[in-house]
Amino acid sequence: MYKRILLPILFRFDAEKVHYFATSALQIAHKIPGMAALLRWLFTYRHPSLERTVFGLRFPNPVGLAAGFDKNGEWVEELSNLGFGFIEIGTVTPRPQPGNDKPRLFRLKADRGLINRLGFNNKGAGPAAGRLQFFRANHRGPNVLIGGNIGKNKDTPNEQATDDYLRCFRDLFESVDYFVVNVSSPNTPGLRELQERAPLTALLGRLQGENSLKNKPKPVLLKIAPDLTDSQLDDIIAIVAETGIAGVIATNTTISRDGLQTPPETVAQMGAGGVSGKPLQGRSTEVIRYLHTRSNGAFPIIGVGGIQTAADAKEKLDAGASLVQIYTGFIYEGPALASNICRGLVD
């Protein structure tokens, strides 16, 4: 019903407005007595073979929701009933910011993808932490792990970026199970410069220094771009070893427009932004396989990019990923995607 009836209707309207309409509808549905339990029954699939321990955390299944869908931790309660093993909020920044000018989210329907240039629009790390703490205190549903994806404010110079990441880390520490350092979004000017070896090593080293002072340090992961060269990926492997971070998320969106089925003039009208969904699938798998092979499996990888079926998820896992995340596929396939992937992995 979702793909045959709802999706064609929703795709007639602005993509970002539909996002907020759909999440509002999900919130309203949860106010109906018994609806949360019904959604859990419909969309949660459990099997012992799906459980796994990665960077010290026990995941009920390997399928997570990627950062970007719930930037402010506003819908974790509702999303936790849709079968995810973990949910990553963010990207959050220390101070609230509106993001880039609208429109800033576009569908590549012929490619089953998206272009976004949202630009870290969020309400700030402190408010997100408060909402997550409320969720922790009141949640009665299935166990779901929460990741915090952190970034810098747009107006913070790169020379002061570490201070932004440290502030987010401190604000969210008691509210999340793991952290993701986002230096790979193409939608904040200059951000990807922080992926270079020297600044990235310094940034992760400072975060790990802060982490080591805690009684129970949290896993810290790095989210990387799919547009890195092999030599830059070699640097990433060395940086993971040097700083002792827990792992890598591969990958963020791509700035490449190669191979799109959408007419070039239509893509040009959409403008700048990162491409996600099916156009990213092949390259993200290549990056996962390269990192896993070159490092001899030295660290866990969360695979993300173009996952819209169980076969897509298995491709990432076979390439060396320990866990996977979905985002664009969730939009195209609907709320049953996580449970469908889990069932397919078991079968």
Protein backbone atom coordinates (compact mmCIF):
# COMPACT_ATOMS: atom_id res chain seq x y z
CA MET A 1 0.00 0.00 0.00
CA TYR A 2 2.81 2.42 0.84
CA LYS A 3 4.54 2.25 -2.54
CA ARG A 4 1.40 1.87 -4.64
CA ILE A 5 -0.84 4.47 -2.97
CA LEU A 6 0.90 6.70 -0.43
CA LEU A 7 4.22 7.29 -2.17
CA PRO A 8 2.79 8.68 -5.44
CA ILE A 9 0.67 11.11 -3.41
CA LEU A 10 3.52 12.19 -1.12
CA PHE A 11 5.89 12.67 -4.06
CA ARG A 12 3.61 15.37 -5.46
CA PHE A 13 4.72 17.73 -2.68
CA ASP A 14 7.97 19.35 -1.53
CA ALA A 15 10.31 16.70 -0.12
CA GLU A 16 11.18 18.50 3.11
CA LYS A 17 7.56 19.39 3.87
CA VAL A 18 6.56 15.75 3.34
CA HIS A 19 9.28 14.68 5.78
CA TYR A 20 7.77 16.78 8.56
CA PHE A 21 4.23 15.79 7.60
CA ALA A 22 5.11 12.11 7.82
CA THR A 23 6.88 12.39 11.15
CA SER A 24 4.02 14.46 12.57
CA ALA A 25 1.56 11.79 11.41
CA LEU A 26 3.71 9.15 13.13
CA GLN A 27 3.64 11.16 16.36
CA ILE A 28 -0.13 11.60 16.17
CA ALA A 29 -0.61 7.88 15.54
CA HIS A 30 1.33 7.09 18.69
CA LYS A 31 -1.17 9.05 20.76
CA ILE A 32 -3.86 6.52 19.87
CA PRO A 33 -4.10 3.87 22.61
CA GLY A 34 -2.52 0.62 21.50
CA MET A 35 -1.00 2.06 18.32
CA ALA A 36 2.60 1.84 19.55
CA ALA A 37 2.15 -1.83 20.37
CA LEU A 38 0.53 -2.44 16.99
CA LEU A 39 3.40 -0.79 15.14
CA ARG A 40 5.91 -2.84 17.12
CA TRP A 41 4.01 -6.00 16.20
CA LEU A 42 3.91 -5.03 12.54
CA PHE A 43 7.46 -3.76 12.08
CA THR A 44 9.73 -5.43 14.65
CA TYR A 45 11.38 -8.72 13.70
CA ARG A 46 13.55 -10.54 16.22
CA HIS A 47 15.87 -13.49 15.69
CA PRO A 48 18.93 -14.60 17.67
CA SER A 49 21.10 -14.59 14.55
CA LEU A 50 20.50 -10.86 14.09
CA GLU A 51 21.98 -9.92 17.46
CA ARG A 52 25.59 -8.82 17.52
CA THR A 53 28.11 -7.04 19.71
CA VAL A 54 30.06 -4.26 17.97
CA PHE A 55 32.51 -1.85 19.65
CA GLY A 56 31.32 -3.13 23.02
CA LEU A 57 27.60 -2.52 22.44
CA ARG A 58 24.93 -5.20 22.05
CA PHE A 59 22.71 -4.51 19.03
CA PRO A 60 19.35 -6.33 18.78
CA ASN A 61 19.76 -6.30 15.00
CA PRO A 62 22.27 -4.79 12.56
CA VAL A 63 19.91 -2.35 10.79
CA GLY A 64 20.01 1.26 11.96
CA LEU A 65 18.54 4.59 10.90
CA ALA A 66 21.23 6.95 9.65
CA ALA A 67 21.74 10.49 10.87
CA GLY A 68 19.78 13.18 9.05
CA PHE A 69 16.31 11.75 9.47
CA ASP A 70 15.85 12.76 13.11
CA LYS A 71 18.24 15.64 13.49
CA ASN A 72 17.04 16.77 16.93
CA GLY A 73 16.13 13.51 18.64
CA GLU A 74 12.44 14.45 18.44
CA TRP A 75 11.06 11.16 17.09
CA VAL A 76 13.24 8.49 18.71
CA GLU A 77 10.29 7.07 20.66
CA GLU A 78 8.18 6.65 17.52
CA LEU A 79 11.03 5.44 15.31
CA SER A 80 12.08 2.86 17.89
CA ASN A 81 8.84 0.99 17.13
CA LEU A 82 9.71 0.53 13.44
CA GLY A 83 12.20 -2.28 13.83
CA PHE A 84 15.54 -0.47 13.99
CA GLY A 85 18.37 -1.92 16.04
CA PHE A 86 19.83 1.56 16.52
CA ILE A 87 18.96 5.16 15.69
CA GLU A 88 21.48 7.90 15.02
CA ILE A 89 20.34 11.45 15.67
CA GLY A 90 21.89 14.61 14.26
CA THR A 91 23.95 16.04 12.90
CA VAL A 92 23.76 18.38 15.91
CA THR A 93 25.90 21.45 16.42
CA PRO A 94 26.64 23.35 19.65
CA ARG A 95 24.35 26.24 18.77
CA PRO A 96 21.05 26.07 16.88
CA GLN A 97 21.24 26.97 13.20
CA PRO A 98 18.64 27.12 10.42
CA GLY A 99 20.70 25.41 7.73
CA ASN A 100 20.82 26.44 4.10
CA ASP A 101 18.12 28.28 2.18
CA LYS A 102 15.07 26.34 1.01
CA PRO A 103 14.32 24.42 -1.13
CA ARG A 104 17.20 22.17 -0.14
CA LEU A 105 15.94 18.58 -0.48
CA PHE A 106 15.17 17.06 -3.89
CA ARG A 107 14.11 13.65 -5.17
CA LEU A 108 15.92 11.81 -7.94
CA LYS A 109 12.98 9.51 -8.61
CA ALA A 110 14.47 7.85 -11.69
CA ASP A 111 17.55 7.01 -9.62
CA ARG A 112 15.78 6.18 -6.33
CA GLY A 113 17.94 8.81 -4.70
CA LEU A 114 17.97 12.25 -3.13
CA ILE A 115 19.98 15.44 -3.32
CA ASN A 116 20.20 17.39 -0.09
CA ARG A 117 21.97 20.54 0.99
CA LEU A 118 20.28 20.91 4.36
CA GLY A 119 23.40 22.26 6.03
CA PHE A 120 23.19 20.88 9.60
CA ASN A 121 19.83 22.49 10.37
CA ASN A 122 19.18 21.64 14.04
CA LYS A 123 18.11 23.04 17.40
CA GLY A 124 21.43 22.55 19.16
CA ALA A 125 23.16 19.81 21.14
CA GLY A 126 21.83 20.84 24.57
CA PRO A 127 18.13 20.59 23.68
CA ALA A 128 18.74 17.29 21.86
CA ALA A 129 20.36 15.89 24.99
CA GLY A 130 17.34 16.90 27.05
CA ARG A 131 14.94 15.15 24.70
CA LEU A 132 17.02 11.97 24.71
CA GLN A 133 17.20 11.95 28.49
CA PHE A 134 13.41 12.21 28.63
CA PHE A 135 13.19 9.29 26.18
CA ARG A 136 15.53 7.20 28.32
CA ALA A 137 13.52 7.90 31.45
CA ASN A 138 10.11 7.12 29.92
CA HIS A 139 10.70 4.58 27.15
CA ARG A 140 8.86 1.29 27.59
CA GLY A 141 9.33 -0.15 24.12
CA PRO A 142 12.00 -2.38 22.58
CA ASN A 143 15.65 -1.83 23.32
CA VAL A 144 17.24 0.50 20.79
CA LEU A 145 20.71 2.02 20.89
CA ILE A 146 21.16 5.73 20.15
CA GLY A 147 24.07 7.37 18.38
CA GLY A 148 24.91 11.06 18.44
CA ASN A 149 26.22 12.52 15.19
CA ILE A 150 28.09 15.76 15.94
CA GLY A 151 29.37 18.62 13.81
CA LYS A 152 30.48 22.23 13.90
CA ASN A 153 28.44 25.37 13.38
CA LYS A 154 28.66 26.91 9.93
CA ASP A 155 30.14 30.17 11.24
CA THR A 156 32.84 28.43 13.32
CA PRO A 157 36.25 28.65 11.61
CA ASN A 158 37.95 25.31 11.02
CA GLU A 159 40.72 26.43 13.37
CA GLN A 160 38.16 26.43 16.20
CA ALA A 161 36.16 23.40 15.06
CA THR A 162 37.52 21.15 17.79
CA ASP A 163 35.85 23.34 20.42
CA ASP A 164 32.47 22.78 18.72
CA TYR A 165 32.92 19.02 18.61
CA LEU A 166 34.02 18.95 22.25
CA ARG A 167 30.99 20.96 23.34
CA CYS A 168 28.63 18.59 21.51
CA PHE A 169 30.45 15.62 23.03
CA ARG A 170 30.04 17.00 26.54
CA ASP A 171 26.40 17.96 26.06
CA LEU A 172 25.39 14.57 24.67
CA PHE A 173 27.65 12.24 26.64
CA GLU A 174 25.05 11.06 29.15
CA SER A 175 22.33 10.73 26.48
CA VAL A 176 23.83 8.58 23.71
CA ASP A 177 25.46 5.17 23.40
CA TYR A 178 28.06 6.15 20.81
CA PHE A 179 29.32 9.23 18.95
CA VAL A 180 29.89 9.92 15.27
CA VAL A 181 32.22 12.71 14.19
CA ASN A 182 30.87 14.21 10.97
CA VAL A 183 33.56 15.98 8.96
CA SER A 184 32.29 14.70 5.62
CA SER A 185 29.06 16.55 4.84
CA PRO A 186 29.42 18.49 1.57
CA ASN A 187 26.86 21.08 2.71
CA THR A 188 28.90 23.08 5.25
CA PRO A 189 31.58 25.18 3.51
CA GLY A 190 35.09 23.97 4.26
CA LEU A 191 33.99 21.10 6.50
CA ARG A 192 35.55 18.37 4.36
CA GLU A 193 38.94 20.04 4.78
CA LEU A 194 38.88 18.57 8.29
CA GLN A 195 39.21 15.10 6.72
CA GLU A 196 42.85 15.85 5.91
CA ARG A 197 45.26 13.85 8.03
CA ALA A 198 46.71 16.54 10.30
CA PRO A 199 43.52 18.35 11.37
CA LEU A 200 41.56 15.10 11.63
CA THR A 201 44.19 13.43 13.80
CA ALA A 202 44.24 16.46 16.09
CA LEU A 203 40.44 16.61 16.32
CA LEU A 204 39.97 12.92 17.08
CA GLY A 205 42.90 12.96 19.48
CA ARG A 206 41.29 15.75 21.51
CA LEU A 207 37.95 13.96 21.59
CA GLN A 208 39.57 10.72 22.65
CA GLY A 209 41.50 12.56 25.34
CA GLU A 210 38.24 13.92 26.72
CA ASN A 211 36.64 10.48 26.36
CA SER A 212 39.42 8.79 28.31
CA LEU A 213 38.64 10.94 31.35
CA LYS A 214 35.19 9.39 31.68
CA ASN A 215 34.47 6.43 33.95
CA LYS A 216 32.88 4.62 31.00
CA PRO A 217 34.18 6.02 27.71
CA LYS A 218 31.80 5.93 24.74
CA PRO A 219 32.68 4.52 21.30
CA VAL A 220 33.67 7.32 18.92
CA LEU A 221 33.30 6.72 15.19
CA LEU A 222 34.26 8.76 12.15
CA LYS A 223 31.90 9.31 9.21
CA ILE A 224 33.78 9.67 5.93
CA ALA A 225 32.93 10.84 2.42
CA PRO A 226 32.69 8.43 -0.52
CA ASP A 227 34.73 10.84 -2.61
CA LEU A 228 38.05 10.14 -0.86
CA THR A 229 40.94 8.73 -2.91
CA ASP A 230 42.64 5.46 -2.02
CA SER A 231 45.57 7.36 -0.49
CA GLN A 232 43.14 9.35 1.66
CA LEU A 233 41.45 6.11 2.73
CA ASP A 234 44.88 4.81 3.69
CA ASP A 235 45.25 7.91 5.85
CA ILE A 236 41.89 7.13 7.48
CA ILE A 237 43.11 3.63 8.37
CA ALA A 238 46.26 5.10 9.91
CA ILE A 239 44.28 7.74 11.82
CA VAL A 240 41.93 5.12 13.30
CA ALA A 241 44.95 3.17 14.54
CA GLU A 242 46.73 6.27 15.86
CA THR A 243 43.78 7.79 17.71
CA GLY A 244 42.16 4.55 18.87
CA ILE A 245 38.64 5.49 17.77
CA ALA A 246 36.09 2.67 17.65
CA GLY A 247 35.35 2.55 13.94
CA VAL A 248 34.20 4.21 10.73
CA ILE A 249 30.87 4.94 9.05
CA ALA A 250 31.16 4.58 5.28
CA THR A 251 29.81 6.65 3.72
CA ASN A 252 28.25 10.09 3.72
CA THR A 253 26.63 11.54 0.59
CA THR A 254 28.60 12.10 -2.61
CA ILE A 255 29.17 15.26 -4.63
CA SER A 256 29.48 13.15 -7.79
CA ARG A 257 26.71 13.27 -10.40
CA ASP A 258 28.11 10.44 -12.51
CA GLY A 259 25.75 7.82 -13.87
CA LEU A 260 22.48 9.47 -12.89
CA GLN A 261 19.38 8.55 -14.92
CA THR A 262 17.70 11.85 -14.08
CA PRO A 263 18.19 14.30 -17.00
CA PRO A 264 21.29 16.50 -16.50
CA GLU A 265 19.28 19.70 -16.90
CA THR A 266 16.94 18.60 -14.09
CA VAL A 267 19.89 17.79 -11.85
CA ALA A 268 21.46 21.16 -12.65
CA GLN A 269 18.26 22.94 -11.63
CA MET A 270 18.39 21.20 -8.25
CA GLY A 271 21.84 22.66 -7.67
CA ALA A 272 24.51 21.77 -5.17
CA GLY A 273 24.22 19.10 -2.49
CA GLY A 274 25.08 15.53 -1.61
CA VAL A 275 23.57 12.58 -3.46
CA SER A 276 22.24 9.65 -1.44
CA GLY A 277 20.35 6.47 -2.26
CA LYS A 278 20.93 4.02 -5.09
CA PRO A 279 23.49 6.18 -6.97
CA LEU A 280 25.74 5.88 -3.92
CA GLN A 281 25.43 2.14 -3.46
CA GLY A 282 28.36 0.91 -5.52
CA ARG A 283 30.88 3.47 -4.32
CA SER A 284 29.99 3.09 -0.64
CA THR A 285 30.47 -0.68 -0.93
CA GLU A 286 33.83 -0.12 -2.63
CA VAL A 287 34.96 2.09 0.25
CA ILE A 288 33.82 -0.47 2.83
CA ARG A 289 35.65 -3.28 1.05
CA TYR A 290 38.81 -1.19 0.67
CA LEU A 291 38.92 -0.19 4.33
CA HIS A 292 38.15 -3.70 5.55
CA THR A 293 40.70 -5.36 3.28
CA ARG A 294 43.54 -2.86 3.68
CA SER A 295 43.15 -2.77 7.47
CA ASN A 296 42.77 -6.55 7.76
CA GLY A 297 39.46 -5.99 9.53
CA ALA A 298 41.15 -3.95 12.25
CA PHE A 299 38.04 -1.91 13.13
CA PRO A 300 34.25 -2.14 12.73
CA ILE A 301 32.56 -0.39 9.81
CA ILE A 302 28.96 0.76 9.61
CA GLY A 303 27.88 0.59 5.98
CA VAL A 304 25.45 3.13 4.57
CA GLY A 305 24.56 4.14 1.02
CA GLY A 306 21.88 2.80 -1.31
CA ILE A 307 20.48 0.09 0.97
CA GLN A 308 16.87 -0.55 -0.07
CA THR A 309 16.62 -4.36 0.14
CA ALA A 310 18.01 -7.21 2.22
CA ALA A 311 20.32 -8.04 -0.70
CA ASP A 312 21.73 -4.51 -0.56
CA ALA A 313 22.38 -4.87 3.17
CA LYS A 314 24.05 -8.25 2.65
CA GLU A 315 26.29 -6.68 0.01
CA LYS A 316 27.58 -4.24 2.60
CA LEU A 317 27.99 -6.93 5.27
CA ASP A 318 29.83 -9.22 2.83
CA ALA A 319 32.15 -6.32 1.94
CA GLY A 320 33.18 -6.02 5.58
CA ALA A 321 30.55 -3.93 7.36
CA SER A 322 29.50 -5.03 10.85
CA LEU A 323 26.28 -2.99 10.83
CA VAL A 324 24.28 -1.07 8.23
CA GLN A 325 22.17 2.08 8.17
CA ILE A 326 19.33 3.24 5.95
CA TYR A 327 17.97 6.68 5.13
CA THR A 328 16.90 7.26 1.54
CA GLY A 329 15.68 3.67 1.24
CA PHE A 330 13.39 4.30 4.21
CA ILE A 331 11.71 7.04 2.18
CA TYR A 332 11.33 4.98 -1.00
CA GLU A 333 10.44 1.64 0.63
CA GLY A 334 8.45 2.77 3.64
CA PRO A 335 8.22 1.91 7.35
CA ALA A 336 8.58 -1.86 6.90
CA LEU A 337 12.08 -1.61 5.43
CA ALA A 338 14.07 -2.38 8.59
CA SER A 339 11.99 -5.46 9.42
CA ASN A 340 12.06 -6.60 5.78
CA ILE A 341 15.85 -6.39 5.73
CA CYS A 342 16.07 -8.28 9.02
CA ARG A 343 13.80 -11.04 7.71
CA GLY A 344 15.77 -11.23 4.50
CA LEU A 345 19.09 -11.53 6.35
CA VAL A 346 17.73 -14.40 8.41
CA ASP A 347 16.25 -16.16 5.39
